[in-house]
Amino acid sequence: YWILILFNLLFTSVPPIIYGVLDKDVSAEILMQLPQ
């Protein structure tokens, strides 16, 4: 059970936090210039 808990903790919490903080597919300036 501790391996399952570690698997879910590691693969459910770390990637979304890193992705949420670092991922910006297009810069804010381009998004403001091209609303489409």
PDB file of all heavy atoms in Angstrom:
ATOM      1  N   TYR A   1       0.816  -1.204   0.000  1.00  0.00           N
ATOM      2  CA  TYR A   1       0.000   0.000   0.000  1.00  0.00           C
ATOM      3  C   TYR A   1       0.854   1.260   0.000  1.00  0.00           C
ATOM      4  O   TYR A   1       0.482   2.259  -0.618  1.00  0.00           O
ATOM      5  CB  TYR A   1      -0.957  -0.002   1.207  1.00  0.00           C
ATOM      6  CG  TYR A   1      -2.065  -0.993   1.055  1.00  0.00           C
ATOM      7  CD1 TYR A   1      -2.133  -2.120   1.859  1.00  0.00           C
ATOM      8  CD2 TYR A   1      -3.055  -0.801   0.104  1.00  0.00           C
ATOM      9  CE1 TYR A   1      -3.160  -3.039   1.716  1.00  0.00           C
ATOM     10  CE2 TYR A   1      -4.078  -1.714  -0.046  1.00  0.00           C
ATOM     11  CZ  TYR A   1      -4.126  -2.819   0.761  1.00  0.00           C
ATOM     12  OH  TYR A   1      -5.137  -3.717   0.608  1.00  0.00           O
ATOM     13  N   TRP A   2       1.981   1.243   0.658  1.00  0.00           N
ATOM     14  CA  TRP A   2       2.810   2.442   0.712  1.00  0.00           C
ATOM     15  C   TRP A   2       3.403   2.771  -0.665  1.00  0.00           C
ATOM     16  O   TRP A   2       3.625   3.935  -0.981  1.00  0.00           O
ATOM     17  CB  TRP A   2       3.896   2.313   1.781  1.00  0.00           C
ATOM     18  CG  TRP A   2       4.909   1.242   1.504  1.00  0.00           C
ATOM     19  CD1 TRP A   2       4.858  -0.068   1.850  1.00  0.00           C
ATOM     20  CD2 TRP A   2       6.143   1.411   0.799  1.00  0.00           C
ATOM     21  NE1 TRP A   2       5.969  -0.736   1.422  1.00  0.00           N
ATOM     22  CE2 TRP A   2       6.782   0.155   0.765  1.00  0.00           C
ATOM     23  CE3 TRP A   2       6.768   2.497   0.199  1.00  0.00           C
ATOM     24  CZ2 TRP A   2       8.010  -0.040   0.150  1.00  0.00           C
ATOM     25  CZ3 TRP A   2       7.996   2.307  -0.408  1.00  0.00           C
ATOM     26  CH2 TRP A   2       8.602   1.042  -0.431  1.00  0.00           C
ATOM     27  N   ILE A   3       3.629   1.761  -1.503  1.00  0.00           N
ATOM     28  CA  ILE A   3       4.122   2.022  -2.859  1.00  0.00           C
ATOM     29  C   ILE A   3       3.013   2.664  -3.694  1.00  0.00           C
ATOM     30  O   ILE A   3       3.259   3.595  -4.459  1.00  0.00           O
ATOM     31  CB  ILE A   3       4.640   0.723  -3.513  1.00  0.00           C
ATOM     32  CG1 ILE A   3       5.891   0.252  -2.780  1.00  0.00           C
ATOM     33  CG2 ILE A   3       4.927   0.930  -4.992  1.00  0.00           C
ATOM     34  CD1 ILE A   3       6.421  -1.079  -3.251  1.00  0.00           C
ATOM     35  N   LEU A   4       1.794   2.183  -3.529  1.00  0.00           N
ATOM     36  CA  LEU A   4       0.667   2.785  -4.240  1.00  0.00           C
ATOM     37  C   LEU A   4       0.450   4.225  -3.799  1.00  0.00           C
ATOM     38  O   LEU A   4       0.220   5.113  -4.628  1.00  0.00           O
ATOM     39  CB  LEU A   4      -0.596   1.958  -4.004  1.00  0.00           C
ATOM     40  CG  LEU A   4      -1.868   2.447  -4.679  1.00  0.00           C
ATOM     41  CD1 LEU A   4      -1.706   2.459  -6.186  1.00  0.00           C
ATOM     42  CD2 LEU A   4      -3.040   1.580  -4.275  1.00  0.00           C
ATOM     43  N   ILE A   5       0.549   4.480  -2.509  1.00  0.00           N
ATOM     44  CA  ILE A   5       0.407   5.843  -1.995  1.00  0.00           C
ATOM     45  C   ILE A   5       1.521   6.728  -2.529  1.00  0.00           C
ATOM     46  O   ILE A   5       1.279   7.865  -2.958  1.00  0.00           O
ATOM     47  CB  ILE A   5       0.379   5.832  -0.454  1.00  0.00           C
ATOM     48  CG1 ILE A   5      -0.908   5.180   0.041  1.00  0.00           C
ATOM     49  CG2 ILE A   5       0.521   7.232   0.103  1.00  0.00           C
ATOM     50  CD1 ILE A   5      -0.927   4.904   1.520  1.00  0.00           C
ATOM     51  N   LEU A   6       2.749   6.229  -2.529  1.00  0.00           N
ATOM     52  CA  LEU A   6       3.872   6.995  -3.047  1.00  0.00           C
ATOM     53  C   LEU A   6       3.721   7.266  -4.539  1.00  0.00           C
ATOM     54  O   LEU A   6       3.989   8.372  -5.012  1.00  0.00           O
ATOM     55  CB  LEU A   6       5.184   6.249  -2.773  1.00  0.00           C
ATOM     56  CG  LEU A   6       6.463   6.980  -3.163  1.00  0.00           C
ATOM     57  CD1 LEU A   6       6.622   8.236  -2.330  1.00  0.00           C
ATOM     58  CD2 LEU A   6       7.665   6.062  -3.000  1.00  0.00           C
ATOM     59  N   PHE A   7       3.258   6.265  -5.291  1.00  0.00           N
ATOM     60  CA  PHE A   7       3.027   6.438  -6.724  1.00  0.00           C
ATOM     61  C   PHE A   7       2.014   7.546  -6.975  1.00  0.00           C
ATOM     62  O   PHE A   7       2.240   8.446  -7.789  1.00  0.00           O
ATOM     63  CB  PHE A   7       2.539   5.118  -7.331  1.00  0.00           C
ATOM     64  CG  PHE A   7       2.155   5.207  -8.782  1.00  0.00           C
ATOM     65  CD1 PHE A   7       3.127   5.147  -9.765  1.00  0.00           C
ATOM     66  CD2 PHE A   7       0.830   5.348  -9.159  1.00  0.00           C
ATOM     67  CE1 PHE A   7       2.786   5.223 -11.109  1.00  0.00           C
ATOM     68  CE2 PHE A   7       0.478   5.426 -10.487  1.00  0.00           C
ATOM     69  CZ  PHE A   7       1.459   5.369 -11.469  1.00  0.00           C
ATOM     70  N   ASN A   8       0.884   7.480  -6.283  1.00  0.00           N
ATOM     71  CA  ASN A   8      -0.143   8.507  -6.480  1.00  0.00           C
ATOM     72  C   ASN A   8       0.311   9.866  -5.993  1.00  0.00           C
ATOM     73  O   ASN A   8       0.003  10.884  -6.614  1.00  0.00           O
ATOM     74  CB  ASN A   8      -1.446   8.098  -5.808  1.00  0.00           C
ATOM     75  CG  ASN A   8      -2.252   7.160  -6.664  1.00  0.00           C
ATOM     76  OD1 ASN A   8      -2.251   7.288  -7.881  1.00  0.00           O
ATOM     77  ND2 ASN A   8      -2.914   6.208  -6.049  1.00  0.00           N
ATOM     78  N   LEU A   9       1.019   9.907  -4.885  1.00  0.00           N
ATOM     79  CA  LEU A   9       1.506  11.182  -4.373  1.00  0.00           C
ATOM     80  C   LEU A   9       2.496  11.817  -5.332  1.00  0.00           C
ATOM     81  O   LEU A   9       2.402  12.995  -5.662  1.00  0.00           O
ATOM     82  CB  LEU A   9       2.157  10.982  -3.000  1.00  0.00           C
ATOM     83  CG  LEU A   9       2.719  12.245  -2.349  1.00  0.00           C
ATOM     84  CD1 LEU A   9       1.581  13.162  -1.952  1.00  0.00           C
ATOM     85  CD2 LEU A   9       3.555  11.885  -1.153  1.00  0.00           C
ATOM     86  N   LEU A  10       3.421  11.019  -5.813  1.00  0.00           N
ATOM     87  CA  LEU A  10       4.450  11.534  -6.698  1.00  0.00           C
ATOM     88  C   LEU A  10       3.892  11.929  -8.053  1.00  0.00           C
ATOM     89  O   LEU A  10       4.140  13.032  -8.539  1.00  0.00           O
ATOM     90  CB  LEU A  10       5.561  10.479  -6.860  1.00  0.00           C
ATOM     91  CG  LEU A  10       6.757  10.909  -7.686  1.00  0.00           C
ATOM     92  CD1 LEU A  10       7.513  12.015  -6.968  1.00  0.00           C
ATOM     93  CD2 LEU A  10       7.663   9.723  -7.949  1.00  0.00           C
ATOM     94  N   PHE A  11       3.104  11.059  -8.663  1.00  0.00           N
ATOM     95  CA  PHE A  11       2.637  11.306 -10.021  1.00  0.00           C
ATOM     96  C   PHE A  11       1.335  12.096 -10.093  1.00  0.00           C
ATOM     97  O   PHE A  11       0.877  12.424 -11.177  1.00  0.00           O
ATOM     98  CB  PHE A  11       2.485   9.989 -10.782  1.00  0.00           C
ATOM     99  CG  PHE A  11       3.797   9.380 -11.135  1.00  0.00           C
ATOM    100  CD1 PHE A  11       4.305   8.318 -10.406  1.00  0.00           C
ATOM    101  CD2 PHE A  11       4.552   9.891 -12.180  1.00  0.00           C
ATOM    102  CE1 PHE A  11       5.526   7.761 -10.724  1.00  0.00           C
ATOM    103  CE2 PHE A  11       5.770   9.340 -12.507  1.00  0.00           C
ATOM    104  CZ  PHE A  11       6.264   8.266 -11.779  1.00  0.00           C
ATOM    105  N   THR A  12       0.724  12.387  -8.961  1.00  0.00           N
ATOM    106  CA  THR A  12      -0.488  13.193  -8.974  1.00  0.00           C
ATOM    107  C   THR A  12      -0.237  14.613  -8.487  1.00  0.00           C
ATOM    108  O   THR A  12      -0.948  15.520  -8.865  1.00  0.00           O
ATOM    109  CB  THR A  12      -1.576  12.535  -8.106  1.00  0.00           C
ATOM    110  OG1 THR A  12      -1.768  11.203  -8.560  1.00  0.00           O
ATOM    111  CG2 THR A  12      -2.887  13.264  -8.209  1.00  0.00           C
ATOM    112  N   SER A  13       0.783  14.812  -7.689  1.00  0.00           N
ATOM    113  CA  SER A  13       0.998  16.154  -7.154  1.00  0.00           C
ATOM    114  C   SER A  13       2.140  16.904  -7.822  1.00  0.00           C
ATOM    115  O   SER A  13       1.994  18.075  -8.150  1.00  0.00           O
ATOM    116  CB  SER A  13       1.246  16.078  -5.642  1.00  0.00           C
ATOM    117  OG  SER A  13       2.422  15.331  -5.385  1.00  0.00           O
ATOM    118  N   VAL A  14       3.248  16.263  -8.044  1.00  0.00           N
ATOM    119  CA  VAL A  14       4.429  16.971  -8.546  1.00  0.00           C
ATOM    120  C   VAL A  14       4.264  17.475  -9.986  1.00  0.00           C
ATOM    121  O   VAL A  14       4.476  18.658 -10.244  1.00  0.00           O
ATOM    122  CB  VAL A  14       5.693  16.090  -8.385  1.00  0.00           C
ATOM    123  CG1 VAL A  14       6.898  16.768  -8.991  1.00  0.00           C
ATOM    124  CG2 VAL A  14       5.934  15.791  -6.917  1.00  0.00           C
ATOM    125  N   PRO A  15       3.870  16.636 -10.954  1.00  0.00           N
ATOM    126  CA  PRO A  15       3.744  17.148 -12.325  1.00  0.00           C
ATOM    127  C   PRO A  15       2.729  18.282 -12.490  1.00  0.00           C
ATOM    128  O   PRO A  15       3.029  19.263 -13.176  1.00  0.00           O
ATOM    129  CB  PRO A  15       3.340  15.916 -13.139  1.00  0.00           C
ATOM    130  CG  PRO A  15       3.896  14.779 -12.371  1.00  0.00           C
ATOM    131  CD  PRO A  15       3.756  15.172 -10.938  1.00  0.00           C
ATOM    132  N   PRO A  16       1.538  18.223 -11.875  1.00  0.00           N
ATOM    133  CA  PRO A  16       0.635  19.369 -12.026  1.00  0.00           C
ATOM    134  C   PRO A  16       1.191  20.663 -11.439  1.00  0.00           C
ATOM    135  O   PRO A  16       0.975  21.736 -11.999  1.00  0.00           O
ATOM    136  CB  PRO A  16      -0.630  18.943 -11.277  1.00  0.00           C
ATOM    137  CG  PRO A  16      -0.596  17.473 -11.294  1.00  0.00           C
ATOM    138  CD  PRO A  16       0.842  17.097 -11.221  1.00  0.00           C
ATOM    139  N   ILE A  17       1.904  20.570 -10.329  1.00  0.00           N
ATOM    140  CA  ILE A  17       2.483  21.781  -9.745  1.00  0.00           C
ATOM    141  C   ILE A  17       3.548  22.364 -10.670  1.00  0.00           C
ATOM    142  O   ILE A  17       3.545  23.562 -10.964  1.00  0.00           O
ATOM    143  CB  ILE A  17       3.063  21.478  -8.343  1.00  0.00           C
ATOM    144  CG1 ILE A  17       1.937  21.181  -7.366  1.00  0.00           C
ATOM    145  CG2 ILE A  17       3.907  22.644  -7.853  1.00  0.00           C
ATOM    146  CD1 ILE A  17       2.400  20.658  -6.036  1.00  0.00           C
ATOM    147  N   ILE A  18       4.441  21.530 -11.150  1.00  0.00           N
ATOM    148  CA  ILE A  18       5.494  22.005 -12.051  1.00  0.00           C
ATOM    149  C   ILE A  18       4.884  22.537 -13.341  1.00  0.00           C
ATOM    150  O   ILE A  18       5.246  23.609 -13.822  1.00  0.00           O
ATOM    151  CB  ILE A  18       6.505  20.877 -12.335  1.00  0.00           C
ATOM    152  CG1 ILE A  18       7.286  20.557 -11.064  1.00  0.00           C
ATOM    153  CG2 ILE A  18       7.459  21.266 -13.455  1.00  0.00           C
ATOM    154  CD1 ILE A  18       8.158  19.337 -11.178  1.00  0.00           C
ATOM    155  N   TYR A  19       3.925  21.794 -13.896  1.00  0.00           N
ATOM    156  CA  TYR A  19       3.293  22.203 -15.145  1.00  0.00           C
ATOM    157  C   TYR A  19       2.508  23.495 -14.966  1.00  0.00           C
ATOM    158  O   TYR A  19       2.536  24.376 -15.821  1.00  0.00           O
ATOM    159  CB  TYR A  19       2.384  21.077 -15.640  1.00  0.00           C
ATOM    160  CG  TYR A  19       1.865  21.288 -17.037  1.00  0.00           C
ATOM    161  CD1 TYR A  19       2.677  21.038 -18.131  1.00  0.00           C
ATOM    162  CD2 TYR A  19       0.577  21.730 -17.264  1.00  0.00           C
ATOM    163  CE1 TYR A  19       2.218  21.229 -19.411  1.00  0.00           C
ATOM    164  CE2 TYR A  19       0.105  21.923 -18.541  1.00  0.00           C
ATOM    165  CZ  TYR A  19       0.932  21.671 -19.607  1.00  0.00           C
ATOM    166  OH  TYR A  19       0.463  21.878 -20.876  1.00  0.00           O
ATOM    167  N   GLY A  20       1.799  23.613 -13.860  1.00  0.00           N
ATOM    168  CA  GLY A  20       1.004  24.811 -13.614  1.00  0.00           C
ATOM    169  C   GLY A  20       1.835  26.060 -13.429  1.00  0.00           C
ATOM    170  O   GLY A  20       1.433  27.155 -13.804  1.00  0.00           O
ATOM    171  N   VAL A  21       3.013  25.901 -12.853  1.00  0.00           N
ATOM    172  CA  VAL A  21       3.867  27.063 -12.608  1.00  0.00           C
ATOM    173  C   VAL A  21       4.661  27.448 -13.852  1.00  0.00           C
ATOM    174  O   VAL A  21       4.803  28.630 -14.172  1.00  0.00           O
ATOM    175  CB  VAL A  21       4.824  26.774 -11.424  1.00  0.00           C
ATOM    176  CG1 VAL A  21       5.866  27.856 -11.291  1.00  0.00           C
ATOM    177  CG2 VAL A  21       4.047  26.635 -10.135  1.00  0.00           C
ATOM    178  N   LEU A  22       5.165  26.461 -14.575  1.00  0.00           N
ATOM    179  CA  LEU A  22       6.114  26.750 -15.645  1.00  0.00           C
ATOM    180  C   LEU A  22       5.511  26.815 -17.044  1.00  0.00           C
ATOM    181  O   LEU A  22       6.118  27.414 -17.925  1.00  0.00           O
ATOM    182  CB  LEU A  22       7.232  25.700 -15.631  1.00  0.00           C
ATOM    183  CG  LEU A  22       8.053  25.621 -14.352  1.00  0.00           C
ATOM    184  CD1 LEU A  22       9.073  24.512 -14.455  1.00  0.00           C
ATOM    185  CD2 LEU A  22       8.729  26.950 -14.067  1.00  0.00           C
ATOM    186  N   ASP A  23       4.366  26.191 -17.283  1.00  0.00           N
ATOM    187  CA  ASP A  23       3.882  26.090 -18.652  1.00  0.00           C
ATOM    188  C   ASP A  23       3.124  27.324 -19.098  1.00  0.00           C
ATOM    189  O   ASP A  23       2.135  27.714 -18.484  1.00  0.00           O
ATOM    190  CB  ASP A  23       2.978  24.877 -18.815  1.00  0.00           C
ATOM    191  CG  ASP A  23       2.534  24.725 -20.244  1.00  0.00           C
ATOM    192  OD1 ASP A  23       3.407  24.615 -21.116  1.00  0.00           O
ATOM    193  OD2 ASP A  23       1.313  24.731 -20.490  1.00  0.00           O
ATOM    194  N   LYS A  24       3.606  27.916 -20.147  1.00  0.00           N
ATOM    195  CA  LYS A  24       2.932  29.017 -20.832  1.00  0.00           C
ATOM    196  C   LYS A  24       3.205  28.800 -22.310  1.00  0.00           C
ATOM    197  O   LYS A  24       4.278  29.117 -22.800  1.00  0.00           O
ATOM    198  CB  LYS A  24       3.459  30.354 -20.358  1.00  0.00           C
ATOM    199  CG  LYS A  24       3.139  30.619 -18.904  1.00  0.00           C
ATOM    200  CD  LYS A  24       3.765  31.886 -18.408  1.00  0.00           C
ATOM    201  CE  LYS A  24       3.431  32.040 -16.948  1.00  0.00           C
ATOM    202  NZ  LYS A  24       4.213  33.048 -16.295  1.00  0.00           N
ATOM    203  N   ASP A  25       2.231  28.221 -23.013  1.00  0.00           N
ATOM    204  CA  ASP A  25       2.463  27.853 -24.405  1.00  0.00           C
ATOM    205  C   ASP A  25       2.680  29.055 -25.312  1.00  0.00           C
ATOM    206  O   ASP A  25       3.396  28.975 -26.294  1.00  0.00           O
ATOM    207  CB  ASP A  25       1.329  26.974 -24.921  1.00  0.00           C
ATOM    208  CG  ASP A  25      -0.012  27.668 -24.880  1.00  0.00           C
ATOM    209  OD1 ASP A  25      -0.185  28.598 -24.080  1.00  0.00           O
ATOM    210  OD2 ASP A  25      -0.906  27.257 -25.649  1.00  0.00           O
ATOM    211  N   VAL A  26       2.057  30.181 -24.988  1.00  0.00           N
ATOM    212  CA  VAL A  26       2.211  31.413 -25.760  1.00  0.00           C
ATOM    213  C   VAL A  26       2.410  32.536 -24.749  1.00  0.00           C
ATOM    214  O   VAL A  26       1.804  32.544 -23.682  1.00  0.00           O
ATOM    215  CB  VAL A  26       0.958  31.678 -26.621  1.00  0.00           C
ATOM    216  CG1 VAL A  26       1.112  32.932 -27.447  1.00  0.00           C
ATOM    217  CG2 VAL A  26       0.652  30.498 -27.519  1.00  0.00           C
ATOM    218  N   SER A  27       3.256  33.492 -25.090  1.00  0.00           N
ATOM    219  CA  SER A  27       3.527  34.586 -24.153  1.00  0.00           C
ATOM    220  C   SER A  27       2.300  35.490 -23.994  1.00  0.00           C
ATOM    221  O   SER A  27       1.421  35.535 -24.860  1.00  0.00           O
ATOM    222  CB  SER A  27       4.719  35.412 -24.635  1.00  0.00           C
ATOM    223  OG  SER A  27       4.368  36.137 -25.791  1.00  0.00           O
ATOM    224  N   ALA A  28       2.266  36.205 -22.901  1.00  0.00           N
ATOM    225  CA  ALA A  28       1.137  37.090 -22.605  1.00  0.00           C
ATOM    226  C   ALA A  28       1.006  38.198 -23.643  1.00  0.00           C
ATOM    227  O   ALA A  28      -0.111  38.592 -24.005  1.00  0.00           O
ATOM    228  CB  ALA A  28       1.303  37.688 -21.213  1.00  0.00           C
ATOM    229  N   GLU A  29       2.115  38.695 -24.138  1.00  0.00           N
ATOM    230  CA  GLU A  29       2.081  39.781 -25.131  1.00  0.00           C
ATOM    231  C   GLU A  29       1.410  39.321 -26.422  1.00  0.00           C
ATOM    232  O   GLU A  29       0.595  40.042 -27.004  1.00  0.00           O
ATOM    233  CB  GLU A  29       3.497  40.288 -25.428  1.00  0.00           C
ATOM    234  CG  GLU A  29       4.183  40.970 -24.257  1.00  0.00           C
ATOM    235  CD  GLU A  29       4.786  39.994 -23.258  1.00  0.00           C
ATOM    236  OE1 GLU A  29       5.068  38.820 -23.635  1.00  0.00           O
ATOM    237  OE2 GLU A  29       4.944  40.381 -22.090  1.00  0.00           O
ATOM    238  N   ILE A  30       1.737  38.118 -26.867  1.00  0.00           N
ATOM    239  CA  ILE A  30       1.135  37.593 -28.104  1.00  0.00           C
ATOM    240  C   ILE A  30      -0.354  37.329 -27.901  1.00  0.00           C
ATOM    241  O   ILE A  30      -1.168  37.612 -28.776  1.00  0.00           O
ATOM    242  CB  ILE A  30       1.876  36.323 -28.574  1.00  0.00           C
ATOM    243  CG1 ILE A  30       3.293  36.690 -29.018  1.00  0.00           C
ATOM    244  CG2 ILE A  30       1.128  35.627 -29.692  1.00  0.00           C
ATOM    245  CD1 ILE A  30       4.164  35.512 -29.375  1.00  0.00           C
ATOM    246  N   LEU A  31      -0.720  36.809 -26.743  1.00  0.00           N
ATOM    247  CA  LEU A  31      -2.137  36.551 -26.473  1.00  0.00           C
ATOM    248  C   LEU A  31      -2.943  37.843 -26.428  1.00  0.00           C
ATOM    249  O   LEU A  31      -4.116  37.856 -26.832  1.00  0.00           O
ATOM    250  CB  LEU A  31      -2.293  35.784 -25.163  1.00  0.00           C
ATOM    251  CG  LEU A  31      -1.862  34.321 -25.198  1.00  0.00           C
ATOM    252  CD1 LEU A  31      -1.855  33.733 -23.808  1.00  0.00           C
ATOM    253  CD2 LEU A  31      -2.759  33.521 -26.120  1.00  0.00           C
ATOM    254  N   MET A  32      -2.349  38.912 -25.941  1.00  0.00           N
ATOM    255  CA  MET A  32      -3.053  40.200 -25.918  1.00  0.00           C
ATOM    256  C   MET A  32      -3.171  40.790 -27.326  1.00  0.00           C
ATOM    257  O   MET A  32      -4.164  41.441 -27.647  1.00  0.00           O
ATOM    258  CB  MET A  32      -2.328  41.185 -25.004  1.00  0.00           C
ATOM    259  CG  MET A  32      -2.403  40.837 -23.544  1.00  0.00           C
ATOM    260  SD  MET A  32      -4.057  40.946 -22.866  1.00  0.00           S
ATOM    261  CE  MET A  32      -4.211  42.691 -22.674  1.00  0.00           C
ATOM    262  N   GLN A  33      -2.182  40.547 -28.168  1.00  0.00           N
ATOM    263  CA  GLN A  33      -2.219  41.078 -29.534  1.00  0.00           C
ATOM    264  C   GLN A  33      -3.136  40.266 -30.445  1.00  0.00           C
ATOM    265  O   GLN A  33      -3.704  40.804 -31.391  1.00  0.00           O
ATOM    266  CB  GLN A  33      -0.812  41.095 -30.134  1.00  0.00           C
ATOM    267  CG  GLN A  33       0.106  42.106 -29.490  1.00  0.00           C
ATOM    268  CD  GLN A  33       1.543  41.964 -29.968  1.00  0.00           C
ATOM    269  OE1 GLN A  33       1.855  41.090 -30.769  1.00  0.00           O
ATOM    270  NE2 GLN A  33       2.414  42.823 -29.467  1.00  0.00           N
ATOM    271  N   LEU A  34      -3.267  38.969 -30.191  1.00  0.00           N
ATOM    272  CA  LEU A  34      -4.075  38.080 -31.039  1.00  0.00           C
ATOM    273  C   LEU A  34      -5.185  37.427 -30.215  1.00  0.00           C
ATOM    274  O   LEU A  34      -5.060  36.273 -29.789  1.00  0.00           O
ATOM    275  CB  LEU A  34      -3.197  37.003 -31.673  1.00  0.00           C
ATOM    276  CG  LEU A  34      -2.041  37.496 -32.542  1.00  0.00           C
ATOM    277  CD1 LEU A  34      -1.121  36.349 -32.888  1.00  0.00           C
ATOM    278  CD2 LEU A  34      -2.582  38.143 -33.801  1.00  0.00           C
ATOM    279  N   PRO A  35      -6.296  38.119 -29.974  1.00  0.00           N
ATOM    280  CA  PRO A  35      -7.377  37.549 -29.158  1.00  0.00           C
ATOM    281  C   PRO A  35      -7.988  36.285 -29.750  1.00  0.00           C
ATOM    282  O   PRO A  35      -8.582  35.495 -29.029  1.00  0.00           O
ATOM    283  CB  PRO A  35      -8.415  38.668 -29.099  1.00  0.00           C
ATOM    284  CG  PRO A  35      -7.736  39.892 -29.559  1.00  0.00           C
ATOM    285  CD  PRO A  35      -6.579  39.481 -30.397  1.00  0.00           C
ATOM    286  N   GLN A  36      -7.844  36.053 -31.051  1.00  0.00           N
ATOM    287  CA  GLN A  36      -8.427  34.859 -31.658  1.00  0.00           C
ATOM    288  C   GLN A  36      -7.762  33.577 -31.168  1.00  0.00           C
ATOM    289  O   GLN A  36      -8.318  32.488 -31.336  1.00  0.00           O
ATOM    290  CB  GLN A  36      -8.417  34.940 -33.189  1.00  0.00           C
ATOM    291  CG  GLN A  36      -7.085  35.128 -33.812  1.00  0.00           C
ATOM    292  CD  GLN A  36      -6.704  36.592 -34.012  1.00  0.00           C
ATOM    293  OE1 GLN A  36      -7.175  37.474 -33.304  1.00  0.00           O
ATOM    294  NE2 GLN A  36      -5.841  36.846 -34.970  1.00  0.00           N
TER     295      GLN A  36
END
